[in-house]
PDB file of N, CA and C in Angstrom:
ATOM      1  N   UNK A   1       0.847  -1.195   0.000  1.00  0.00           N
ATOM      2  CA  UNK A   1       0.000   0.000   0.000  1.00  0.00           C
ATOM      3  C   UNK A   1       0.882   1.244   0.000  1.00  0.00           C
ATOM      4  N   UNK A   2       0.544   2.187  -0.836  1.00  0.00           N
ATOM      5  CA  UNK A   2       1.297   3.436  -0.900  1.00  0.00           C
ATOM      6  C   UNK A   2       0.863   4.400   0.182  1.00  0.00           C
ATOM      7  N   UNK A   3       1.832   5.089   0.739  1.00  0.00           N
ATOM      8  CA  UNK A   3       1.539   6.145   1.703  1.00  0.00           C
ATOM      9  C   UNK A   3       1.200   7.403   0.910  1.00  0.00           C
ATOM     10  N   UNK A   4       0.402   8.277   1.490  1.00  0.00           N
ATOM     11  CA  UNK A   4      -0.024   9.498   0.799  1.00  0.00           C
ATOM     12  C   UNK A   4       1.163  10.333   0.353  1.00  0.00           C
ATOM     13  N   UNK A   5       2.183  10.469   1.201  1.00  0.00           N
ATOM     14  CA  UNK A   5       3.320  11.312   0.834  1.00  0.00           C
ATOM     15  C   UNK A   5       4.107  10.715  -0.323  1.00  0.00           C
ATOM     16  N   UNK A   6       4.110   9.395  -0.485  1.00  0.00           N
ATOM     17  CA  UNK A   6       4.781   8.771  -1.617  1.00  0.00           C
ATOM     18  C   UNK A   6       4.083   9.150  -2.917  1.00  0.00           C
ATOM     19  N   UNK A   7       2.760   9.155  -2.899  1.00  0.00           N
ATOM     20  CA  UNK A   7       1.997   9.515  -4.091  1.00  0.00           C
ATOM     21  C   UNK A   7       2.340  10.934  -4.514  1.00  0.00           C
ATOM     22  N   UNK A   8       2.396  11.839  -3.568  1.00  0.00           N
ATOM     23  CA  UNK A   8       2.716  13.237  -3.868  1.00  0.00           C
ATOM     24  C   UNK A   8       4.113  13.336  -4.447  1.00  0.00           C
ATOM     25  N   UNK A   9       5.059  12.686  -3.818  1.00  0.00           N
ATOM     26  CA  UNK A   9       6.441  12.782  -4.251  1.00  0.00           C
ATOM     27  C   UNK A   9       6.661  12.086  -5.597  1.00  0.00           C
ATOM     28  N   UNK A  10       5.909  11.031  -5.876  1.00  0.00           N
ATOM     29  CA  UNK A  10       6.130  10.254  -7.082  1.00  0.00           C
ATOM     30  C   UNK A  10       5.287  10.700  -8.271  1.00  0.00           C
ATOM     31  N   UNK A  11       4.422  11.688  -8.095  1.00  0.00           N
ATOM     32  CA  UNK A  11       3.575  12.093  -9.202  1.00  0.00           C
ATOM     33  C   UNK A  11       3.512  13.614  -9.365  1.00  0.00           C
ATOM     34  N   UNK A  12       4.663  14.252  -9.544  1.00  0.00           N
ATOM     35  CA  UNK A  12       4.632  15.704  -9.758  1.00  0.00           C
ATOM     36  C   UNK A  12       3.967  16.076 -11.078  1.00  0.00           C
ATOM     37  N   UNK A  13       3.931  15.139 -12.025  1.00  0.00           N
ATOM     38  CA  UNK A  13       3.279  15.389 -13.313  1.00  0.00           C
ATOM     39  C   UNK A  13       1.790  15.667 -13.125  1.00  0.00           C
ATOM     40  N   UNK A  14       1.135  14.925 -12.247  1.00  0.00           N
ATOM     41  CA  UNK A  14      -0.289  15.137 -11.990  1.00  0.00           C
ATOM     42  C   UNK A  14      -0.529  16.531 -11.402  1.00  0.00           C
ATOM     43  N   UNK A  15       0.314  16.941 -10.483  1.00  0.00           N
ATOM     44  CA  UNK A  15       0.203  18.283  -9.896  1.00  0.00           C
ATOM     45  C   UNK A  15       0.284  19.344 -10.991  1.00  0.00           C
ATOM     46  N   UNK A  16       1.301  19.254 -11.837  1.00  0.00           N
ATOM     47  CA  UNK A  16       1.460  20.240 -12.915  1.00  0.00           C
ATOM     48  C   UNK A  16       0.288  20.185 -13.878  1.00  0.00           C
ATOM     49  N   UNK A  17      -0.181  18.989 -14.204  1.00  0.00           N
ATOM     50  CA  UNK A  17      -1.303  18.845 -15.134  1.00  0.00           C
ATOM     51  C   UNK A  17      -2.568  19.465 -14.562  1.00  0.00           C
ATOM     52  N   UNK A  18      -2.843  19.209 -13.289  1.00  0.00           N
ATOM     53  CA  UNK A  18      -4.067  19.765 -12.691  1.00  0.00           C
ATOM     54  C   UNK A  18      -4.017  21.285 -12.654  1.00  0.00           C
ATOM     55  N   UNK A  19      -2.881  21.833 -12.331  1.00  0.00           N
ATOM     56  CA  UNK A  19      -2.763  23.299 -12.313  1.00  0.00           C
ATOM     57  C   UNK A  19      -2.922  23.846 -13.735  1.00  0.00           C
ATOM     58  N   UNK A  20      -2.216  23.267 -14.686  1.00  0.00           N
ATOM     59  CA  UNK A  20      -2.310  23.728 -16.078  1.00  0.00           C
ATOM     60  C   UNK A  20      -3.734  23.627 -16.612  1.00  0.00           C
ATOM     61  N   UNK A  21      -4.381  22.498 -16.334  1.00  0.00           N
ATOM     62  CA  UNK A  21      -5.759  22.311 -16.801  1.00  0.00           C
ATOM     63  C   UNK A  21      -6.694  23.360 -16.216  1.00  0.00           C
ATOM     64  N   UNK A  22      -6.530  23.660 -14.934  1.00  0.00           N
ATOM     65  CA  UNK A  22      -7.386  24.672 -14.298  1.00  0.00           C
ATOM     66  C   UNK A  22      -7.124  26.059 -14.866  1.00  0.00           C
ATOM     67  N   UNK A  23      -5.872  26.379 -15.110  1.00  0.00           N
ATOM     68  CA  UNK A  23      -5.555  27.679 -15.703  1.00  0.00           C
ATOM     69  C   UNK A  23      -6.216  27.809 -17.074  1.00  0.00           C
ATOM     70  N   UNK A  24      -6.112  26.761 -17.876  1.00  0.00           N
ATOM     71  CA  UNK A  24      -6.728  26.787 -19.216  1.00  0.00           C
ATOM     72  C   UNK A  24      -8.241  26.860 -19.121  1.00  0.00           C
ATOM     73  N   UNK A  25      -8.816  26.035 -18.254  1.00  0.00           N
ATOM     74  CA  UNK A  25     -10.273  25.991 -18.119  1.00  0.00           C
ATOM     75  C   UNK A  25     -10.828  27.359 -17.732  1.00  0.00           C
ATOM     76  N   UNK A  26     -10.115  28.049 -16.877  1.00  0.00           N
ATOM     77  CA  UNK A  26     -10.578  29.353 -16.400  1.00  0.00           C
ATOM     78  C   UNK A  26     -10.071  30.510 -17.261  1.00  0.00           C
ATOM     79  N   UNK A  27      -9.282  30.176 -18.269  1.00  0.00           N
ATOM     80  CA  UNK A  27      -8.713  31.167 -19.188  1.00  0.00           C
ATOM     81  C   UNK A  27      -7.817  32.177 -18.468  1.00  0.00           C
ATOM     82  N   UNK A  28      -7.063  31.672 -17.501  1.00  0.00           N
ATOM     83  CA  UNK A  28      -6.083  32.497 -16.805  1.00  0.00           C
ATOM     84  C   UNK A  28      -4.749  32.375 -17.526  1.00  0.00           C
ATOM     85  N   UNK A  29      -4.012  33.453 -17.553  1.00  0.00           N
ATOM     86  CA  UNK A  29      -2.702  33.449 -18.183  1.00  0.00           C
ATOM     87  C   UNK A  29      -1.617  33.101 -17.171  1.00  0.00           C
ATOM     88  N   UNK A  30      -0.470  32.734 -17.689  1.00  0.00           N
ATOM     89  CA  UNK A  30       0.666  32.486 -16.795  1.00  0.00           C
ATOM     90  C   UNK A  30       1.080  33.784 -16.103  1.00  0.00           C
ATOM     91  N   UNK A  31       0.878  34.901 -16.746  1.00  0.00           N
ATOM     92  CA  UNK A  31       1.197  36.191 -16.127  1.00  0.00           C
ATOM     93  C   UNK A  31       0.309  36.426 -14.900  1.00  0.00           C
ATOM     94  N   UNK A  32      -0.988  36.123 -15.032  1.00  0.00           N
ATOM     95  CA  UNK A  32      -1.895  36.270 -13.889  1.00  0.00           C
ATOM     96  C   UNK A  32      -1.486  35.332 -12.756  1.00  0.00           C
ATOM     97  N   UNK A  33      -1.184  34.102 -13.120  1.00  0.00           N
ATOM     98  CA  UNK A  33      -0.769  33.115 -12.126  1.00  0.00           C
ATOM     99  C   UNK A  33       0.537  33.539 -11.462  1.00  0.00           C
ATOM    100  N   UNK A  34       1.460  34.071 -12.243  1.00  0.00           N
ATOM    101  CA  UNK A  34       2.739  34.538 -11.706  1.00  0.00           C
ATOM    102  C   UNK A  34       2.535  35.613 -10.650  1.00  0.00           C
ATOM    103  N   UNK A  35       1.591  36.510 -10.872  1.00  0.00           N
ATOM    104  CA  UNK A  35       1.356  37.572  -9.879  1.00  0.00           C
ATOM    105  C   UNK A  35       0.825  36.997  -8.572  1.00  0.00           C
ATOM    106  N   UNK A  36       0.046  35.927  -8.652  1.00  0.00           N
ATOM    107  CA  UNK A  36      -0.454  35.267  -7.441  1.00  0.00           C
ATOM    108  C   UNK A  36       0.704  34.646  -6.660  1.00  0.00           C
ATOM    109  N   UNK A  37       1.657  34.071  -7.380  1.00  0.00           N
ATOM    110  CA  UNK A  37       2.790  33.406  -6.743  1.00  0.00           C
ATOM    111  C   UNK A  37       3.949  34.353  -6.440  1.00  0.00           C
ATOM    112  N   UNK A  38       3.806  35.614  -6.818  1.00  0.00           N
ATOM    113  CA  UNK A  38       4.850  36.622  -6.588  1.00  0.00           C
ATOM    114  C   UNK A  38       6.156  36.220  -7.268  1.00  0.00           C
ATOM    115  N   UNK A  39       6.030  35.844  -8.551  1.00  0.00           N
ATOM    116  CA  UNK A  39       7.209  35.480  -9.328  1.00  0.00           C
ATOM    117  C   UNK A  39       6.974  35.882 -10.779  1.00  0.00           C
ATOM    118  N   UNK A  40       7.986  35.737 -11.590  1.00  0.00           N
ATOM    119  CA  UNK A  40       7.870  36.100 -13.000  1.00  0.00           C
ATOM    120  C   UNK A  40       7.170  35.001 -13.795  1.00  0.00           C
ATOM    121  N   UNK A  41       6.662  35.377 -14.967  1.00  0.00           N
ATOM    122  CA  UNK A  41       6.022  34.401 -15.847  1.00  0.00           C
ATOM    123  C   UNK A  41       6.995  33.304 -16.269  1.00  0.00           C
ATOM    124  N   UNK A  42       8.260  33.627 -16.598  1.00  0.00           N
ATOM    125  CA  UNK A  42       9.190  32.543 -16.943  1.00  0.00           C
ATOM    126  C   UNK A  42       9.404  31.538 -15.801  1.00  0.00           C
ATOM    127  N   UNK A  43       9.361  32.016 -14.562  1.00  0.00           N
ATOM    128  CA  UNK A  43       9.500  31.095 -13.428  1.00  0.00           C
ATOM    129  C   UNK A  43       8.286  30.163 -13.343  1.00  0.00           C
ATOM    130  N   UNK A  44       7.096  30.696 -13.587  1.00  0.00           N
ATOM    131  CA  UNK A  44       5.886  29.869 -13.610  1.00  0.00           C
ATOM    132  C   UNK A  44       5.989  28.844 -14.733  1.00  0.00           C
ATOM    133  N   UNK A  45       6.415  29.282 -15.894  1.00  0.00           N
ATOM    134  CA  UNK A  45       6.552  28.389 -17.035  1.00  0.00           C
ATOM    135  C   UNK A  45       7.497  27.229 -16.719  1.00  0.00           C
ATOM    136  N   UNK A  46       8.608  27.530 -16.056  1.00  0.00           N
ATOM    137  CA  UNK A  46       9.556  26.476 -15.676  1.00  0.00           C
ATOM    138  C   UNK A  46       8.916  25.475 -14.719  1.00  0.00           C
ATOM    139  N   UNK A  47       8.116  25.949 -13.795  1.00  0.00           N
ATOM    140  CA  UNK A  47       7.456  25.036 -12.844  1.00  0.00           C
ATOM    141  C   UNK A  47       6.421  24.164 -13.567  1.00  0.00           C
ATOM    142  N   UNK A  48       5.635  24.769 -14.433  1.00  0.00           N
ATOM    143  CA  UNK A  48       4.616  24.006 -15.155  1.00  0.00           C
ATOM    144  C   UNK A  48       5.232  23.000 -16.130  1.00  0.00           C
ATOM    145  N   UNK A  49       6.442  23.283 -16.593  1.00  0.00           N
ATOM    146  CA  UNK A  49       7.138  22.375 -17.506  1.00  0.00           C
ATOM    147  C   UNK A  49       7.931  21.301 -16.767  1.00  0.00           C
ATOM    148  N   UNK A  50       7.991  21.399 -15.441  1.00  0.00           N
ATOM    149  CA  UNK A  50       8.723  20.409 -14.662  1.00  0.00           C
ATOM    150  C   UNK A  50      10.208  20.677 -14.551  1.00  0.00           C
ATOM    151  N   UNK A  51      10.647  21.862 -14.944  1.00  0.00           N
ATOM    152  CA  UNK A  51      12.064  22.212 -14.867  1.00  0.00           C
ATOM    153  C   UNK A  51      12.438  22.810 -13.517  1.00  0.00           C
ATOM    154  N   UNK A  52      11.436  23.115 -12.724  1.00  0.00           N
ATOM    155  CA  UNK A  52      11.607  23.606 -11.355  1.00  0.00           C
ATOM    156  C   UNK A  52      10.413  23.104 -10.556  1.00  0.00           C
ATOM    157  N   UNK A  53      10.565  23.068  -9.254  1.00  0.00           N
ATOM    158  CA  UNK A  53       9.502  22.543  -8.392  1.00  0.00           C
ATOM    159  C   UNK A  53       8.672  23.663  -7.769  1.00  0.00           C
ATOM    160  N   UNK A  54       7.412  23.356  -7.531  1.00  0.00           N
ATOM    161  CA  UNK A  54       6.555  24.253  -6.765  1.00  0.00           C
ATOM    162  C   UNK A  54       6.879  24.088  -5.289  1.00  0.00           C
ATOM    163  N   UNK A  55       6.886  25.178  -4.556  1.00  0.00           N
ATOM    164  CA  UNK A  55       7.046  25.089  -3.099  1.00  0.00           C
ATOM    165  C   UNK A  55       5.687  24.799  -2.466  1.00  0.00           C
ATOM    166  N   UNK A  56       5.717  24.440  -1.213  1.00  0.00           N
ATOM    167  CA  UNK A  56       4.470  24.215  -0.482  1.00  0.00           C
ATOM    168  C   UNK A  56       3.641  25.497  -0.480  1.00  0.00           C
ATOM    169  N   UNK A  57       4.295  26.635  -0.314  1.00  0.00           N
ATOM    170  CA  UNK A  57       3.584  27.921  -0.322  1.00  0.00           C
ATOM    171  C   UNK A  57       2.980  28.198  -1.695  1.00  0.00           C
ATOM    172  N   UNK A  58       3.692  27.835  -2.768  1.00  0.00           N
ATOM    173  CA  UNK A  58       3.136  27.990  -4.117  1.00  0.00           C
ATOM    174  C   UNK A  58       1.837  27.205  -4.254  1.00  0.00           C
ATOM    175  N   UNK A  59       1.833  25.981  -3.764  1.00  0.00           N
ATOM    176  CA  UNK A  59       0.649  25.128  -3.872  1.00  0.00           C
ATOM    177  C   UNK A  59      -0.482  25.679  -3.010  1.00  0.00           C
ATOM    178  N   UNK A  60      -0.168  26.166  -1.833  1.00  0.00           N
ATOM    179  CA  UNK A  60      -1.180  26.756  -0.962  1.00  0.00           C
ATOM    180  C   UNK A  60      -1.818  27.977  -1.629  1.00  0.00           C
ATOM    181  N   UNK A  61      -0.989  28.862  -2.170  1.00  0.00           N
ATOM    182  CA  UNK A  61      -1.513  30.062  -2.849  1.00  0.00           C
ATOM    183  C   UNK A  61      -2.350  29.679  -4.070  1.00  0.00           C
ATOM    184  N   UNK A  62      -1.882  28.670  -4.801  1.00  0.00           N
ATOM    185  CA  UNK A  62      -2.610  28.200  -5.984  1.00  0.00           C
ATOM    186  C   UNK A  62      -3.989  27.682  -5.581  1.00  0.00           C
ATOM    187  N   UNK A  63      -4.022  26.847  -4.564  1.00  0.00           N
ATOM    188  CA  UNK A  63      -5.292  26.264  -4.110  1.00  0.00           C
ATOM    189  C   UNK A  63      -6.260  27.356  -3.657  1.00  0.00           C
ATOM    190  N   UNK A  64      -5.764  28.316  -2.905  1.00  0.00           N
ATOM    191  CA  UNK A  64      -6.626  29.409  -2.439  1.00  0.00           C
ATOM    192  C   UNK A  64      -7.136  30.232  -3.612  1.00  0.00           C
ATOM    193  N   UNK A  65      -6.267  30.558  -4.547  1.00  0.00           N
ATOM    194  CA  UNK A  65      -6.643  31.389  -5.690  1.00  0.00           C
ATOM    195  C   UNK A  65      -7.666  30.682  -6.572  1.00  0.00           C
ATOM    196  N   UNK A  66      -7.442  29.391  -6.820  1.00  0.00           N
ATOM    197  CA  UNK A  66      -8.345  28.632  -7.677  1.00  0.00           C
ATOM    198  C   UNK A  66      -9.528  28.032  -6.913  1.00  0.00           C
ATOM    199  N   UNK A  67      -9.534  28.198  -5.600  1.00  0.00           N
ATOM    200  CA  UNK A  67     -10.573  27.643  -4.725  1.00  0.00           C
ATOM    201  C   UNK A  67     -10.695  26.129  -4.912  1.00  0.00           C
ATOM    202  N   UNK A  68      -9.535  25.475  -4.835  1.00  0.00           N
ATOM    203  CA  UNK A  68      -9.431  24.025  -4.930  1.00  0.00           C
ATOM    204  C   UNK A  68      -8.733  23.508  -3.685  1.00  0.00           C
ATOM    205  N   UNK A  69      -8.904  22.239  -3.398  1.00  0.00           N
ATOM    206  CA  UNK A  69      -8.181  21.670  -2.264  1.00  0.00           C
ATOM    207  C   UNK A  69      -6.750  21.328  -2.682  1.00  0.00           C
ATOM    208  N   UNK A  70      -5.837  21.448  -1.734  1.00  0.00           N
ATOM    209  CA  UNK A  70      -4.465  21.034  -2.009  1.00  0.00           C
ATOM    210  C   UNK A  70      -4.411  19.526  -2.246  1.00  0.00           C
ATOM    211  N   UNK A  71      -5.260  18.776  -1.560  1.00  0.00           N
ATOM    212  CA  UNK A  71      -5.302  17.322  -1.783  1.00  0.00           C
ATOM    213  C   UNK A  71      -5.642  17.004  -3.229  1.00  0.00           C
ATOM    214  N   UNK A  72      -6.538  17.761  -3.813  1.00  0.00           N
ATOM    215  CA  UNK A  72      -6.888  17.563  -5.224  1.00  0.00           C
ATOM    216  C   UNK A  72      -5.686  17.876  -6.117  1.00  0.00           C
ATOM    217  N   UNK A  73      -5.032  19.004  -5.870  1.00  0.00           N
ATOM    218  CA  UNK A  73      -3.881  19.368  -6.691  1.00  0.00           C
ATOM    219  C   UNK A  73      -2.785  18.313  -6.611  1.00  0.00           C
ATOM    220  N   UNK A  74      -2.561  17.775  -5.415  1.00  0.00           N
ATOM    221  CA  UNK A  74      -1.528  16.755  -5.226  1.00  0.00           C
ATOM    222  C   UNK A  74      -1.949  15.370  -5.719  1.00  0.00           C
ATOM    223  N   UNK A  75      -3.209  15.198  -6.068  1.00  0.00           N
ATOM    224  CA  UNK A  75      -3.666  13.906  -6.559  1.00  0.00           C
ATOM    225  C   UNK A  75      -4.086  12.936  -5.479  1.00  0.00           C
ATOM    226  N   UNK A  76      -4.353  13.448  -4.278  1.00  0.00           N
ATOM    227  CA  UNK A  76      -4.760  12.591  -3.165  1.00  0.00           C
ATOM    228  C   UNK A  76      -6.259  12.331  -3.147  1.00  0.00           C
ATOM    229  N   UNK A  77      -7.007  13.118  -3.912  1.00  0.00           N
ATOM    230  CA  UNK A  77      -8.452  12.954  -4.021  1.00  0.00           C
ATOM    231  C   UNK A  77      -8.886  13.420  -5.404  1.00  0.00           C
ATOM    232  N   UNK A  78     -10.031  12.957  -5.826  1.00  0.00           N
ATOM    233  CA  UNK A  78     -10.606  13.421  -7.086  1.00  0.00           C
ATOM    234  C   UNK A  78     -11.603  14.556  -6.844  1.00  0.00           C
ATOM    235  N   UNK A  79     -11.859  14.877  -5.581  1.00  0.00           N
ATOM    236  CA  UNK A  79     -12.788  15.948  -5.214  1.00  0.00           C
ATOM    237  C   UNK A  79     -12.017  17.264  -5.120  1.00  0.00           C
ATOM    238  N   UNK A  80     -12.262  18.194  -6.026  1.00  0.00           N
ATOM    239  CA  UNK A  80     -11.522  19.456  -6.003  1.00  0.00           C
ATOM    240  C   UNK A  80     -11.988  20.453  -4.942  1.00  0.00           C
ATOM    241  N   UNK A  81     -13.097  20.157  -4.274  1.00  0.00           N
ATOM    242  CA  UNK A  81     -13.685  21.092  -3.325  1.00  0.00           C
ATOM    243  C   UNK A  81     -12.848  21.200  -2.055  1.00  0.00           C
ATOM    244  N   UNK A  82     -12.435  22.412  -1.696  1.00  0.00           N
ATOM    245  CA  UNK A  82     -11.683  22.558  -0.450  1.00  0.00           C
ATOM    246  C   UNK A  82     -12.593  22.385   0.765  1.00  0.00           C
ATOM    247  N   UNK A  83     -12.018  21.911   1.857  1.00  0.00           N
ATOM    248  CA  UNK A  83     -12.769  21.816   3.100  1.00  0.00           C
ATOM    249  C   UNK A  83     -13.153  23.220   3.544  1.00  0.00           C
ATOM    250  N   UNK A  84     -14.360  23.369   4.056  1.00  0.00           N
ATOM    251  CA  UNK A  84     -14.812  24.707   4.458  1.00  0.00           C
ATOM    252  C   UNK A  84     -14.762  24.940   5.956  1.00  0.00           C
ATOM    253  N   UNK A  85     -14.597  23.866   6.721  1.00  0.00           N
ATOM    254  CA  UNK A  85     -14.447  24.056   8.159  1.00  0.00           C
ATOM    255  C   UNK A  85     -13.646  22.882   8.717  1.00  0.00           C
ATOM    256  N   UNK A  86     -13.243  22.988   9.964  1.00  0.00           N
ATOM    257  CA  UNK A  86     -12.379  21.983  10.575  1.00  0.00           C
ATOM    258  C   UNK A  86     -13.074  20.626  10.694  1.00  0.00           C
ATOM    259  N   UNK A  87     -14.396  20.616  10.766  1.00  0.00           N
ATOM    260  CA  UNK A  87     -15.119  19.348  10.835  1.00  0.00           C
ATOM    261  C   UNK A  87     -14.852  18.512   9.591  1.00  0.00           C
ATOM    262  N   UNK A  88     -14.834  19.156   8.433  1.00  0.00           N
ATOM    263  CA  UNK A  88     -14.576  18.444   7.178  1.00  0.00           C
ATOM    264  C   UNK A  88     -13.119  17.977   7.105  1.00  0.00           C
ATOM    265  N   UNK A  89     -12.222  18.762   7.646  1.00  0.00           N
ATOM    266  CA  UNK A  89     -10.809  18.405   7.614  1.00  0.00           C
ATOM    267  C   UNK A  89     -10.566  17.115   8.377  1.00  0.00           C
ATOM    268  N   UNK A  90     -11.222  16.966   9.531  1.00  0.00           N
ATOM    269  CA  UNK A  90     -10.988  15.821  10.394  1.00  0.00           C
ATOM    270  C   UNK A  90     -12.060  14.747  10.293  1.00  0.00           C
ATOM    271  N   UNK A  91     -12.947  14.847   9.316  1.00  0.00           N
ATOM    272  CA  UNK A  91     -14.026  13.853   9.165  1.00  0.00           C
ATOM    273  C   UNK A  91     -13.484  12.517   8.697  1.00  0.00           C
TER     274      UNK A  91
END
């Protein structure tokens, strides 16, 4: 059985794909996304291409901006809905 952290570490492609798909679906540009992450568009492009890694803070900001759960972005769930209160977090 795989541990949750192994899935995250072993599937960075899914993380990049989910972020890219959401940006396209919402018609957001890399420039807009870069401003959310407080970095340049080329830095965002490198992360989405897998040439650099997203930090935990990058993923947190992304999830908040897109109103998605970090678990969804990391591929730990298929439900993109973020938890809205602590009861859901610990359910």
